[in-house]
PDB file of N, CA and C in Angstrom:
ATOM      1  N   MET A   1      17.290 163.731 128.574  1.00  0.00           N
ATOM      2  CA  MET A   1      18.604 163.209 128.299  1.00  0.00           C
ATOM      3  C   MET A   1      18.805 161.958 129.152  1.00  0.00           C
ATOM      4  N   ASP A   2      19.260 160.865 128.528  1.00  0.00           N
ATOM      5  CA  ASP A   2      19.465 159.650 129.311  1.00  0.00           C
ATOM      6  C   ASP A   2      20.772 159.734 130.108  1.00  0.00           C
ATOM      7  N   GLU A   3      21.025 158.731 130.924  1.00  0.00           N
ATOM      8  CA  GLU A   3      22.194 158.753 131.818  1.00  0.00           C
ATOM      9  C   GLU A   3      23.508 158.797 131.045  1.00  0.00           C
ATOM     10  N   TRP A   4      23.594 158.029 129.927  1.00  0.00           N
ATOM     11  CA  TRP A   4      24.825 158.022 129.127  1.00  0.00           C
ATOM     12  C   TRP A   4      25.124 159.422 128.609  1.00  0.00           C
ATOM     13  N   CYS A   5      24.119 160.094 128.035  1.00  0.00           N
ATOM     14  CA  CYS A   5      24.315 161.443 127.509  1.00  0.00           C
ATOM     15  C   CYS A   5      24.652 162.423 128.626  1.00  0.00           C
ATOM     16  N   SER A   6      24.022 162.263 129.764  1.00  0.00           N
ATOM     17  CA  SER A   6      24.292 163.136 130.900  1.00  0.00           C
ATOM     18  C   SER A   6      25.742 162.986 131.363  1.00  0.00           C
ATOM     19  N   ASP A   7      26.229 161.748 131.447  1.00  0.00           N
ATOM     20  CA  ASP A   7      27.625 161.508 131.833  1.00  0.00           C
ATOM     21  C   ASP A   7      28.586 162.099 130.809  1.00  0.00           C
ATOM     22  N   ARG A   8      28.293 161.957 129.501  1.00  0.00           N
ATOM     23  CA  ARG A   8      29.168 162.490 128.456  1.00  0.00           C
ATOM     24  C   ARG A   8      29.156 164.016 128.480  1.00  0.00           C
ATOM     25  N   THR A   9      28.010 164.601 128.807  1.00  0.00           N
ATOM     26  CA  THR A   9      27.926 166.057 128.913  1.00  0.00           C
ATOM     27  C   THR A   9      28.870 166.551 129.997  1.00  0.00           C
ATOM     28  N   ARG A  10      28.873 165.878 131.116  1.00  0.00           N
ATOM     29  CA  ARG A  10      29.770 166.241 132.218  1.00  0.00           C
ATOM     30  C   ARG A  10      31.231 166.103 131.767  1.00  0.00           C
ATOM     31  N   ASP A  11      31.557 165.011 131.053  1.00  0.00           N
ATOM     32  CA  ASP A  11      32.923 164.800 130.563  1.00  0.00           C
ATOM     33  C   ASP A  11      33.358 165.907 129.607  1.00  0.00           C
ATOM     34  N   VAL A  12      32.486 166.222 128.648  1.00  0.00           N
ATOM     35  CA  VAL A  12      32.830 167.233 127.649  1.00  0.00           C
ATOM     36  C   VAL A  12      32.967 168.605 128.297  1.00  0.00           C
ATOM     37  N   LYS A  13      32.068 168.934 129.204  1.00  0.00           N
ATOM     38  CA  LYS A  13      32.119 170.246 129.851  1.00  0.00           C
ATOM     39  C   LYS A  13      33.343 170.408 130.744  1.00  0.00           C
ATOM     40  N   SER A  14      33.877 169.298 131.269  1.00  0.00           N
ATOM     41  CA  SER A  14      35.032 169.400 132.166  1.00  0.00           C
ATOM     42  C   SER A  14      36.270 169.916 131.437  1.00  0.00           C
ATOM     43  N   CYS A  15      36.373 169.647 130.166  1.00  0.00           N
ATOM     44  CA  CYS A  15      37.504 170.124 129.362  1.00  0.00           C
ATOM     45  C   CYS A  15      37.024 170.177 127.916  1.00  0.00           C
ATOM     46  N   PHE A  16      36.424 171.278 127.548  1.00  0.00           N
ATOM     47  CA  PHE A  16      35.728 171.423 126.280  1.00  0.00           C
ATOM     48  C   PHE A  16      36.705 171.379 125.109  1.00  0.00           C
ATOM     49  N   TYR A  17      36.589 170.351 124.261  1.00  0.00           N
ATOM     50  CA  TYR A  17      37.438 170.228 123.080  1.00  0.00           C
ATOM     51  C   TYR A  17      36.560 169.843 121.887  1.00  0.00           C
ATOM     52  N   VAL A  18      36.472 170.742 120.936  1.00  0.00           N
ATOM     53  CA  VAL A  18      35.612 170.564 119.765  1.00  0.00           C
ATOM     54  C   VAL A  18      36.465 170.194 118.562  1.00  0.00           C
ATOM     55  N   PHE A  19      36.102 169.062 117.905  1.00  0.00           N
ATOM     56  CA  PHE A  19      36.767 168.669 116.663  1.00  0.00           C
ATOM     57  C   PHE A  19      36.195 169.423 115.471  1.00  0.00           C
ATOM     58  N   LYS A  20      34.873 169.509 115.402  1.00  0.00           N
ATOM     59  CA  LYS A  20      34.177 170.123 114.270  1.00  0.00           C
ATOM     60  C   LYS A  20      32.970 170.885 114.792  1.00  0.00           C
ATOM     61  N   ALA A  21      32.564 171.940 114.061  1.00  0.00           N
ATOM     62  CA  ALA A  21      31.375 172.705 114.436  1.00  0.00           C
ATOM     63  C   ALA A  21      30.722 173.286 113.187  1.00  0.00           C
ATOM     64  N   ASN A  22      29.388 173.224 113.138  1.00  0.00           N
ATOM     65  CA  ASN A  22      28.607 173.779 112.035  1.00  0.00           C
ATOM     66  C   ASN A  22      27.331 174.382 112.592  1.00  0.00           C
ATOM     67  N   PHE A  23      26.931 175.531 112.059  1.00  0.00           N
ATOM     68  CA  PHE A  23      25.637 176.090 112.420  1.00  0.00           C
ATOM     69  C   PHE A  23      24.539 175.399 111.625  1.00  0.00           C
ATOM     70  N   SER A  24      23.369 175.257 112.243  1.00  0.00           N
ATOM     71  CA  SER A  24      22.203 174.716 111.546  1.00  0.00           C
ATOM     72  C   SER A  24      21.751 175.720 110.494  1.00  0.00           C
ATOM     73  N   SER A  25      20.996 175.255 109.521  1.00  0.00           N
ATOM     74  CA  SER A  25      20.542 176.130 108.440  1.00  0.00           C
ATOM     75  C   SER A  25      19.669 177.279 108.955  1.00  0.00           C
ATOM     76  N   ASP A  26      18.954 177.064 110.055  1.00  0.00           N
ATOM     77  CA  ASP A  26      18.112 178.129 110.605  1.00  0.00           C
ATOM     78  C   ASP A  26      18.852 178.991 111.629  1.00  0.00           C
ATOM     79  N   GLY A  27      20.107 178.666 111.914  1.00  0.00           N
ATOM     80  CA  GLY A  27      20.912 179.445 112.846  1.00  0.00           C
ATOM     81  C   GLY A  27      20.596 179.214 114.307  1.00  0.00           C
ATOM     82  N   ARG A  28      19.699 178.292 114.599  1.00  0.00           N
ATOM     83  CA  ARG A  28      19.308 178.056 115.990  1.00  0.00           C
ATOM     84  C   ARG A  28      20.312 177.184 116.741  1.00  0.00           C
ATOM     85  N   HIS A  29      20.859 176.162 116.087  1.00  0.00           N
ATOM     86  CA  HIS A  29      21.753 175.218 116.747  1.00  0.00           C
ATOM     87  C   HIS A  29      23.177 175.316 116.192  1.00  0.00           C
ATOM     88  N   LEU A  30      24.096 175.004 117.033  1.00  0.00           N
ATOM     89  CA  LEU A  30      25.470 174.781 116.642  1.00  0.00           C
ATOM     90  C   LEU A  30      25.705 173.293 116.836  1.00  0.00           C
ATOM     91  N   TRP A  31      25.952 172.570 115.734  1.00  0.00           N
ATOM     92  CA  TRP A  31      26.207 171.121 115.800  1.00  0.00           C
ATOM     93  C   TRP A  31      27.694 170.932 116.009  1.00  0.00           C
ATOM     94  N   LEU A  32      28.059 170.180 117.036  1.00  0.00           N
ATOM     95  CA  LEU A  32      29.457 170.007 117.432  1.00  0.00           C
ATOM     96  C   LEU A  32      29.833 168.531 117.474  1.00  0.00           C
ATOM     97  N   VAL A  33      31.070 168.240 117.116  1.00  0.00           N
ATOM     98  CA  VAL A  33      31.649 166.921 117.352  1.00  0.00           C
ATOM     99  C   VAL A  33      32.749 167.158 118.379  1.00  0.00           C
ATOM    100  N   CYS A  34      32.594 166.544 119.553  1.00  0.00           N
ATOM    101  CA  CYS A  34      33.483 166.817 120.686  1.00  0.00           C
ATOM    102  C   CYS A  34      34.207 165.564 121.167  1.00  0.00           C
ATOM    103  N   ASN A  35      35.293 165.793 121.859  1.00  0.00           N
ATOM    104  CA  ASN A  35      36.087 164.737 122.481  1.00  0.00           C
ATOM    105  C   ASN A  35      35.619 164.593 123.935  1.00  0.00           C
ATOM    106  N   PRO A  36      35.067 163.412 124.294  1.00  0.00           N
ATOM    107  CA  PRO A  36      34.654 163.218 125.691  1.00  0.00           C
ATOM    108  C   PRO A  36      35.801 162.728 126.576  1.00  0.00           C
ATOM    109  N   HIS A  37      37.026 162.826 126.062  1.00  0.00           N
ATOM    110  CA  HIS A  37      38.235 162.483 126.814  1.00  0.00           C
ATOM    111  C   HIS A  37      38.336 161.004 127.147  1.00  0.00           C
ATOM    112  N   THR A  38      37.831 160.178 126.244  1.00  0.00           N
ATOM    113  CA  THR A  38      37.986 158.737 126.382  1.00  0.00           C
ATOM    114  C   THR A  38      39.009 158.214 125.386  1.00  0.00           C
ATOM    115  N   TYR A  39      39.239 158.996 124.322  1.00  0.00           N
ATOM    116  CA  TYR A  39      40.163 158.645 123.241  1.00  0.00           C
ATOM    117  C   TYR A  39      39.732 157.403 122.470  1.00  0.00           C
ATOM    118  N   THR A  40      38.482 156.961 122.642  1.00  0.00           N
ATOM    119  CA  THR A  40      37.993 155.811 121.888  1.00  0.00           C
ATOM    120  C   THR A  40      36.827 156.164 120.977  1.00  0.00           C
ATOM    121  N   TYR A  41      36.183 157.303 121.156  1.00  0.00           N
ATOM    122  CA  TYR A  41      35.072 157.726 120.306  1.00  0.00           C
ATOM    123  C   TYR A  41      34.849 159.223 120.492  1.00  0.00           C
ATOM    124  N   SER A  42      34.061 159.788 119.591  1.00  0.00           N
ATOM    125  CA  SER A  42      33.664 161.193 119.664  1.00  0.00           C
ATOM    126  C   SER A  42      32.163 161.250 119.920  1.00  0.00           C
ATOM    127  N   VAL A  43      31.675 162.415 120.349  1.00  0.00           N
ATOM    128  CA  VAL A  43      30.245 162.577 120.579  1.00  0.00           C
ATOM    129  C   VAL A  43      29.711 163.770 119.791  1.00  0.00           C
ATOM    130  N   VAL A  44      28.472 163.619 119.317  1.00  0.00           N
ATOM    131  CA  VAL A  44      27.777 164.689 118.608  1.00  0.00           C
ATOM    132  C   VAL A  44      26.970 165.467 119.643  1.00  0.00           C
ATOM    133  N   CYS A  45      27.161 166.774 119.645  1.00  0.00           N
ATOM    134  CA  CYS A  45      26.512 167.639 120.625  1.00  0.00           C
ATOM    135  C   CYS A  45      25.745 168.751 119.920  1.00  0.00           C
ATOM    136  N   SER A  46      24.853 169.355 120.678  1.00  0.00           N
ATOM    137  CA  SER A  46      24.065 170.474 120.178  1.00  0.00           C
ATOM    138  C   SER A  46      24.135 171.608 121.178  1.00  0.00           C
ATOM    139  N   TYR A  47      24.357 172.804 120.656  1.00  0.00           N
ATOM    140  CA  TYR A  47      24.219 173.997 121.489  1.00  0.00           C
ATOM    141  C   TYR A  47      23.081 174.822 120.897  1.00  0.00           C
ATOM    142  N   ASP A  48      22.023 175.024 121.681  1.00  0.00           N
ATOM    143  CA  ASP A  48      20.880 175.815 121.245  1.00  0.00           C
ATOM    144  C   ASP A  48      21.198 177.281 121.536  1.00  0.00           C
ATOM    145  N   VAL A  49      21.371 178.053 120.475  1.00  0.00           N
ATOM    146  CA  VAL A  49      21.781 179.449 120.593  1.00  0.00           C
ATOM    147  C   VAL A  49      20.709 180.294 121.281  1.00  0.00           C
ATOM    148  N   TYR A  50      19.432 179.991 121.065  1.00  0.00           N
ATOM    149  CA  TYR A  50      18.339 180.771 121.643  1.00  0.00           C
ATOM    150  C   TYR A  50      18.143 180.472 123.123  1.00  0.00           C
ATOM    151  N   GLU A  51      18.206 179.195 123.476  1.00  0.00           N
ATOM    152  CA  GLU A  51      17.958 178.794 124.864  1.00  0.00           C
ATOM    153  C   GLU A  51      19.233 178.640 125.689  1.00  0.00           C
ATOM    154  N   HIS A  52      20.394 178.756 125.045  1.00  0.00           N
ATOM    155  CA  HIS A  52      21.692 178.621 125.721  1.00  0.00           C
ATOM    156  C   HIS A  52      21.819 177.287 126.443  1.00  0.00           C
ATOM    157  N   THR A  53      21.442 176.205 125.728  1.00  0.00           N
ATOM    158  CA  THR A  53      21.530 174.865 126.314  1.00  0.00           C
ATOM    159  C   THR A  53      22.478 174.003 125.497  1.00  0.00           C
ATOM    160  N   PHE A  54      23.219 173.186 126.188  1.00  0.00           N
ATOM    161  CA  PHE A  54      24.185 172.270 125.586  1.00  0.00           C
ATOM    162  C   PHE A  54      23.738 170.841 125.881  1.00  0.00           C
ATOM    163  N   ARG A  55      23.761 169.978 124.841  1.00  0.00           N
ATOM    164  CA  ARG A  55      23.364 168.577 125.031  1.00  0.00           C
ATOM    165  C   ARG A  55      24.275 167.665 124.219  1.00  0.00           C
ATOM    166  N   VAL A  56      24.629 166.537 124.799  1.00  0.00           N
ATOM    167  CA  VAL A  56      25.250 165.454 124.050  1.00  0.00           C
ATOM    168  C   VAL A  56      24.111 164.634 123.472  1.00  0.00           C
ATOM    169  N   LEU A  57      24.159 164.372 122.149  1.00  0.00           N
ATOM    170  CA  LEU A  57      23.059 163.680 121.492  1.00  0.00           C
ATOM    171  C   LEU A  57      23.342 162.209 121.216  1.00  0.00           C
ATOM    172  N   ILE A  58      24.552 161.884 120.741  1.00  0.00           N
ATOM    173  CA  ILE A  58      24.865 160.529 120.283  1.00  0.00           C
ATOM    174  C   ILE A  58      26.371 160.452 120.066  1.00  0.00           C
ATOM    175  N   ASP A  59      26.917 159.249 120.033  1.00  0.00           N
ATOM    176  CA  ASP A  59      28.322 159.138 119.662  1.00  0.00           C
ATOM    177  C   ASP A  59      28.407 159.102 118.132  1.00  0.00           C
ATOM    178  N   GLY A  60      29.507 159.616 117.597  1.00  0.00           N
ATOM    179  CA  GLY A  60      29.694 159.644 116.156  1.00  0.00           C
ATOM    180  C   GLY A  60      30.781 160.622 115.762  1.00  0.00           C
ATOM    181  N   ASP A  61      31.193 160.551 114.477  1.00  0.00           N
ATOM    182  CA  ASP A  61      32.320 161.346 113.981  1.00  0.00           C
ATOM    183  C   ASP A  61      31.920 162.609 113.230  1.00  0.00           C
ATOM    184  N   THR A  62      30.643 162.766 112.898  1.00  0.00           N
ATOM    185  CA  THR A  62      30.197 163.932 112.149  1.00  0.00           C
ATOM    186  C   THR A  62      28.898 164.461 112.726  1.00  0.00           C
ATOM    187  N   ALA A  63      28.601 165.700 112.393  1.00  0.00           N
ATOM    188  CA  ALA A  63      27.325 166.320 112.762  1.00  0.00           C
ATOM    189  C   ALA A  63      26.901 167.183 111.578  1.00  0.00           C
ATOM    190  N   ASP A  64      26.573 166.520 110.475  1.00  0.00           N
ATOM    191  CA  ASP A  64      26.263 167.217 109.237  1.00  0.00           C
ATOM    192  C   ASP A  64      24.762 167.287 109.019  1.00  0.00           C
ATOM    193  N   GLU A  65      24.231 168.513 108.980  1.00  0.00           N
ATOM    194  CA  GLU A  65      22.797 168.692 108.742  1.00  0.00           C
ATOM    195  C   GLU A  65      22.474 168.293 107.308  1.00  0.00           C
ATOM    196  N   GLN A  66      21.404 167.538 107.144  1.00  0.00           N
ATOM    197  CA  GLN A  66      20.967 167.040 105.845  1.00  0.00           C
ATOM    198  C   GLN A  66      19.792 167.884 105.331  1.00  0.00           C
ATOM    199  N   PRO A  67      19.536 167.825 104.011  1.00  0.00           N
ATOM    200  CA  PRO A  67      18.427 168.611 103.455  1.00  0.00           C
ATOM    201  C   PRO A  67      17.066 168.319 104.095  1.00  0.00           C
ATOM    202  N   ASP A  68      16.879 167.104 104.614  1.00  0.00           N
ATOM    203  CA  ASP A  68      15.592 166.760 105.230  1.00  0.00           C
ATOM    204  C   ASP A  68      15.496 167.189 106.703  1.00  0.00           C
ATOM    205  N   GLY A  69      16.520 167.895 107.202  1.00  0.00           N
ATOM    206  CA  GLY A  69      16.498 168.388 108.576  1.00  0.00           C
ATOM    207  C   GLY A  69      17.130 167.459 109.593  1.00  0.00           C
ATOM    208  N   THR A  70      17.498 166.239 109.175  1.00  0.00           N
ATOM    209  CA  THR A  70      18.184 165.329 110.088  1.00  0.00           C
ATOM    210  C   THR A  70      19.656 165.696 110.170  1.00  0.00           C
ATOM    211  N   ILE A  71      20.328 165.140 111.150  1.00  0.00           N
ATOM    212  CA  ILE A  71      21.767 165.344 111.325  1.00  0.00           C
ATOM    213  C   ILE A  71      22.427 163.990 111.137  1.00  0.00           C
ATOM    214  N   LEU A  72      23.415 163.924 110.251  1.00  0.00           N
ATOM    215  CA  LEU A  72      24.127 162.676 109.987  1.00  0.00           C
ATOM    216  C   LEU A  72      25.282 162.539 110.975  1.00  0.00           C
ATOM    217  N   ALA A  73      25.218 161.502 111.786  1.00  0.00           N
ATOM    218  CA  ALA A  73      26.288 161.152 112.725  1.00  0.00           C
ATOM    219  C   ALA A  73      26.924 159.873 112.195  1.00  0.00           C
ATOM    220  N   LYS A  74      28.074 159.995 111.554  1.00  0.00           N
ATOM    221  CA  LYS A  74      28.734 158.821 110.990  1.00  0.00           C
ATOM    222  C   LYS A  74      29.453 158.032 112.076  1.00  0.00           C
ATOM    223  N   ASN A  75      29.483 156.733 111.879  1.00  0.00           N
ATOM    224  CA  ASN A  75      30.279 155.814 112.695  1.00  0.00           C
ATOM    225  C   ASN A  75      29.861 155.742 114.162  1.00  0.00           C
ATOM    226  N   LYS A  76      28.562 155.617 114.386  1.00  0.00           N
ATOM    227  CA  LYS A  76      28.067 155.340 115.738  1.00  0.00           C
ATOM    228  C   LYS A  76      28.477 153.921 116.100  1.00  0.00           C
ATOM    229  N   LYS A  77      29.002 153.749 117.281  1.00  0.00           N
ATOM    230  CA  LYS A  77      29.515 152.451 117.711  1.00  0.00           C
ATOM    231  C   LYS A  77      28.423 151.611 118.356  1.00  0.00           C
ATOM    232  N   THR A  78      28.432 150.317 118.053  1.00  0.00           N
ATOM    233  CA  THR A  78      27.525 149.356 118.673  1.00  0.00           C
ATOM    234  C   THR A  78      28.267 148.032 118.789  1.00  0.00           C
ATOM    235  N   TYR A  79      27.677 147.063 119.429  1.00  0.00           N
ATOM    236  CA  TYR A  79      28.280 145.739 119.542  1.00  0.00           C
ATOM    237  C   TYR A  79      27.338 144.733 118.919  1.00  0.00           C
ATOM    238  N   ALA A  80      27.869 143.897 118.038  1.00  0.00           N
ATOM    239  CA  ALA A  80      27.053 142.941 117.288  1.00  0.00           C
ATOM    240  C   ALA A  80      27.249 141.524 117.823  1.00  0.00           C
ATOM    241  N   PHE A  81      26.224 140.695 117.580  1.00  0.00           N
ATOM    242  CA  PHE A  81      26.240 139.296 117.986  1.00  0.00           C
ATOM    243  C   PHE A  81      25.777 138.445 116.812  1.00  0.00           C
ATOM    244  N   ASP A  82      26.289 137.221 116.714  1.00  0.00           N
ATOM    245  CA  ASP A  82      25.839 136.318 115.650  1.00  0.00           C
ATOM    246  C   ASP A  82      24.506 135.689 116.030  1.00  0.00           C
ATOM    247  N   ASP A  83      24.007 134.807 115.176  1.00  0.00           N
ATOM    248  CA  ASP A  83      22.704 134.180 115.396  1.00  0.00           C
ATOM    249  C   ASP A  83      22.649 133.336 116.671  1.00  0.00           C
ATOM    250  N   LYS A  84      23.805 132.868 117.138  1.00  0.00           N
ATOM    251  CA  LYS A  84      23.862 132.046 118.348  1.00  0.00           C
ATOM    252  C   LYS A  84      24.084 132.885 119.609  1.00  0.00           C
ATOM    253  N   GLY A  85      24.166 134.209 119.434  1.00  0.00           N
ATOM    254  CA  GLY A  85      24.374 135.091 120.577  1.00  0.00           C
ATOM    255  C   GLY A  85      25.831 135.308 120.929  1.00  0.00           C
ATOM    256  N   GLU A  86      26.739 134.794 120.093  1.00  0.00           N
ATOM    257  CA  GLU A  86      28.169 134.982 120.333  1.00  0.00           C
ATOM    258  C   GLU A  86      28.586 136.391 119.896  1.00  0.00           C
ATOM    259  N   PRO A  87      29.418 137.060 120.689  1.00  0.00           N
ATOM    260  CA  PRO A  87      29.819 138.422 120.328  1.00  0.00           C
ATOM    261  C   PRO A  87      30.686 138.456 119.072  1.00  0.00           C
ATOM    262  N   LEU A  88      30.403 139.411 118.212  1.00  0.00           N
ATOM    263  CA  LEU A  88      31.206 139.644 117.014  1.00  0.00           C
ATOM    264  C   LEU A  88      32.141 140.836 117.196  1.00  0.00           C
ATOM    265  N   GLY A  89      31.975 141.556 118.277  1.00  0.00           N
ATOM    266  CA  GLY A  89      32.819 142.717 118.544  1.00  0.00           C
ATOM    267  C   GLY A  89      32.157 144.016 118.102  1.00  0.00           C
ATOM    268  N   ALA A  90      32.940 145.062 118.120  1.00  0.00           N
ATOM    269  CA  ALA A  90      32.425 146.391 117.794  1.00  0.00           C
ATOM    270  C   ALA A  90      32.092 146.491 116.315  1.00  0.00           C
ATOM    271  N   ARG A  91      30.995 147.164 116.047  1.00  0.00           N
ATOM    272  CA  ARG A  91      30.575 147.485 114.683  1.00  0.00           C
ATOM    273  C   ARG A  91      30.142 148.947 114.694  1.00  0.00           C
ATOM    274  N   PHE A  92      30.065 149.525 113.519  1.00  0.00           N
ATOM    275  CA  PHE A  92      29.737 150.933 113.384  1.00  0.00           C
ATOM    276  C   PHE A  92      28.657 151.109 112.329  1.00  0.00           C
ATOM    277  N   TYR A  93      27.841 152.139 112.472  1.00  0.00           N
ATOM    278  CA  TYR A  93      26.854 152.457 111.452  1.00  0.00           C
ATOM    279  C   TYR A  93      26.625 153.967 111.442  1.00  0.00           C
ATOM    280  N   ASP A  94      26.148 154.454 110.313  1.00  0.00           N
ATOM    281  CA  ASP A  94      25.792 155.857 110.205  1.00  0.00           C
ATOM    282  C   ASP A  94      24.367 156.008 110.712  1.00  0.00           C
ATOM    283  N   ALA A  95      24.136 157.050 111.496  1.00  0.00           N
ATOM    284  CA  ALA A  95      22.810 157.292 112.068  1.00  0.00           C
ATOM    285  C   ALA A  95      22.351 158.696 111.692  1.00  0.00           C
ATOM    286  N   TRP A  96      21.116 158.780 111.227  1.00  0.00           N
ATOM    287  CA  TRP A  96      20.493 160.062 110.975  1.00  0.00           C
ATOM    288  C   TRP A  96      19.600 160.333 112.168  1.00  0.00           C
ATOM    289  N   ILE A  97      19.837 161.453 112.841  1.00  0.00           N
ATOM    290  CA  ILE A  97      19.096 161.778 114.050  1.00  0.00           C
ATOM    291  C   ILE A  97      18.291 163.063 113.846  1.00  0.00           C
ATOM    292  N   ASN A  98      17.252 163.220 114.664  1.00  0.00           N
ATOM    293  CA  ASN A  98      16.533 164.490 114.656  1.00  0.00           C
ATOM    294  C   ASN A  98      17.250 165.439 115.630  1.00  0.00           C
ATOM    295  N   PRO A  99      16.874 166.703 115.685  1.00  0.00           N
ATOM    296  CA  PRO A  99      17.568 167.645 116.573  1.00  0.00           C
ATOM    297  C   PRO A  99      17.523 167.287 118.060  1.00  0.00           C
ATOM    298  N   ASP A 100      16.635 166.376 118.446  1.00  0.00           N
ATOM    299  CA  ASP A 100      16.595 165.920 119.838  1.00  0.00           C
ATOM    300  C   ASP A 100      17.502 164.720 120.088  1.00  0.00           C
ATOM    301  N   GLY A 101      18.174 164.228 119.047  1.00  0.00           N
ATOM    302  CA  GLY A 101      19.099 163.103 119.205  1.00  0.00           C
ATOM    303  C   GLY A 101      18.486 161.740 118.988  1.00  0.00           C
ATOM    304  N   GLU A 102      17.217 161.679 118.603  1.00  0.00           N
ATOM    305  CA  GLU A 102      16.562 160.389 118.366  1.00  0.00           C
ATOM    306  C   GLU A 102      16.944 159.883 116.975  1.00  0.00           C
ATOM    307  N   ILE A 103      17.314 158.613 116.889  1.00  0.00           N
ATOM    308  CA  ILE A 103      17.679 158.020 115.608  1.00  0.00           C
ATOM    309  C   ILE A 103      16.421 157.822 114.773  1.00  0.00           C
ATOM    310  N   VAL A 104      16.444 158.365 113.551  1.00  0.00           N
ATOM    311  CA  VAL A 104      15.300 158.208 112.648  1.00  0.00           C
ATOM    312  C   VAL A 104      15.618 157.273 111.486  1.00  0.00           C
ATOM    313  N   ARG A 105      16.917 157.026 111.250  1.00  0.00           N
ATOM    314  CA  ARG A 105      17.323 156.107 110.180  1.00  0.00           C
ATOM    315  C   ARG A 105      18.740 155.606 110.481  1.00  0.00           C
ATOM    316  N   LYS A 106      18.995 154.348 110.130  1.00  0.00           N
ATOM    317  CA  LYS A 106      20.318 153.743 110.340  1.00  0.00           C
ATOM    318  C   LYS A 106      20.887 153.248 109.025  1.00  0.00           C
ATOM    319  N   GLY A 107      22.211 153.330 108.895  1.00  0.00           N
ATOM    320  CA  GLY A 107      22.916 152.757 107.760  1.00  0.00           C
ATOM    321  C   GLY A 107      23.312 151.329 108.065  1.00  0.00           C
ATOM    322  N   LYS A 108      24.041 150.699 107.147  1.00  0.00           N
ATOM    323  CA  LYS A 108      24.441 149.302 107.343  1.00  0.00           C
ATOM    324  C   LYS A 108      25.589 149.220 108.332  1.00  0.00           C
ATOM    325  N   LEU A 109      25.687 148.063 109.009  1.00  0.00           N
ATOM    326  CA  LEU A 109      26.786 147.837 109.956  1.00  0.00           C
ATOM    327  C   LEU A 109      28.100 147.685 109.206  1.00  0.00           C
ATOM    328  N   LYS A 110      29.161 148.258 109.781  1.00  0.00           N
ATOM    329  CA  LYS A 110      30.507 148.181 109.212  1.00  0.00           C
ATOM    330  C   LYS A 110      31.473 147.710 110.292  1.00  0.00           C
ATOM    331  N   THR A 111      32.516 147.016 109.862  1.00  0.00           N
ATOM    332  CA  THR A 111      33.594 146.653 110.776  1.00  0.00           C
ATOM    333  C   THR A 111      34.523 147.859 110.911  1.00  0.00           C
ATOM    334  N   ALA A 112      35.446 147.800 111.860  1.00  0.00           N
ATOM    335  CA  ALA A 112      36.404 148.884 112.046  1.00  0.00           C
ATOM    336  C   ALA A 112      37.221 149.130 110.782  1.00  0.00           C
ATOM    337  N   GLU A 113      37.513 148.082 110.046  1.00  0.00           N
ATOM    338  CA  GLU A 113      38.284 148.216 108.806  1.00  0.00           C
ATOM    339  C   GLU A 113      37.501 148.947 107.717  1.00  0.00           C
ATOM    340  N   GLU A 114      36.192 148.881 107.781  1.00  0.00           N
ATOM    341  CA  GLU A 114      35.351 149.521 106.757  1.00  0.00           C
ATOM    342  C   GLU A 114      34.993 150.971 107.071  1.00  0.00           C
ATOM    343  N   VAL A 115      35.321 151.433 108.268  1.00  0.00           N
ATOM    344  CA  VAL A 115      34.995 152.807 108.676  1.00  0.00           C
ATOM    345  C   VAL A 115      35.842 153.766 107.861  1.00  0.00           C
ATOM    346  N   ASP A 116      35.157 154.804 107.334  1.00  0.00           N
ATOM    347  CA  ASP A 116      35.894 155.803 106.539  1.00  0.00           C
ATOM    348  C   ASP A 116      36.454 156.899 107.381  1.00  0.00           C
TER     349      ASP A 116
END
């Protein structure tokens, strides 16, 4: 787990608030969308039922398991720049992650107005 995920894990554990929760198709994981108490984004978390481990995986608004075994985390936040390196501000994209939180596929960048 990188430092960002470790810090978010501490935030979420300090006052556990779950927006959404779904069990994985194999029953091993509980996919959670939690509030890290920043009020600016949500985080996708995993609770491994067999190993009793909790991990923050990525920021995003959903944790929907897909038929191919990936987890769809909608609206991951990033910051975009134009060709000259000038900041364009916050942008969002959908990310398909594996159960370890690694991004395996990305959707197109969206502005805040385009976020569903």
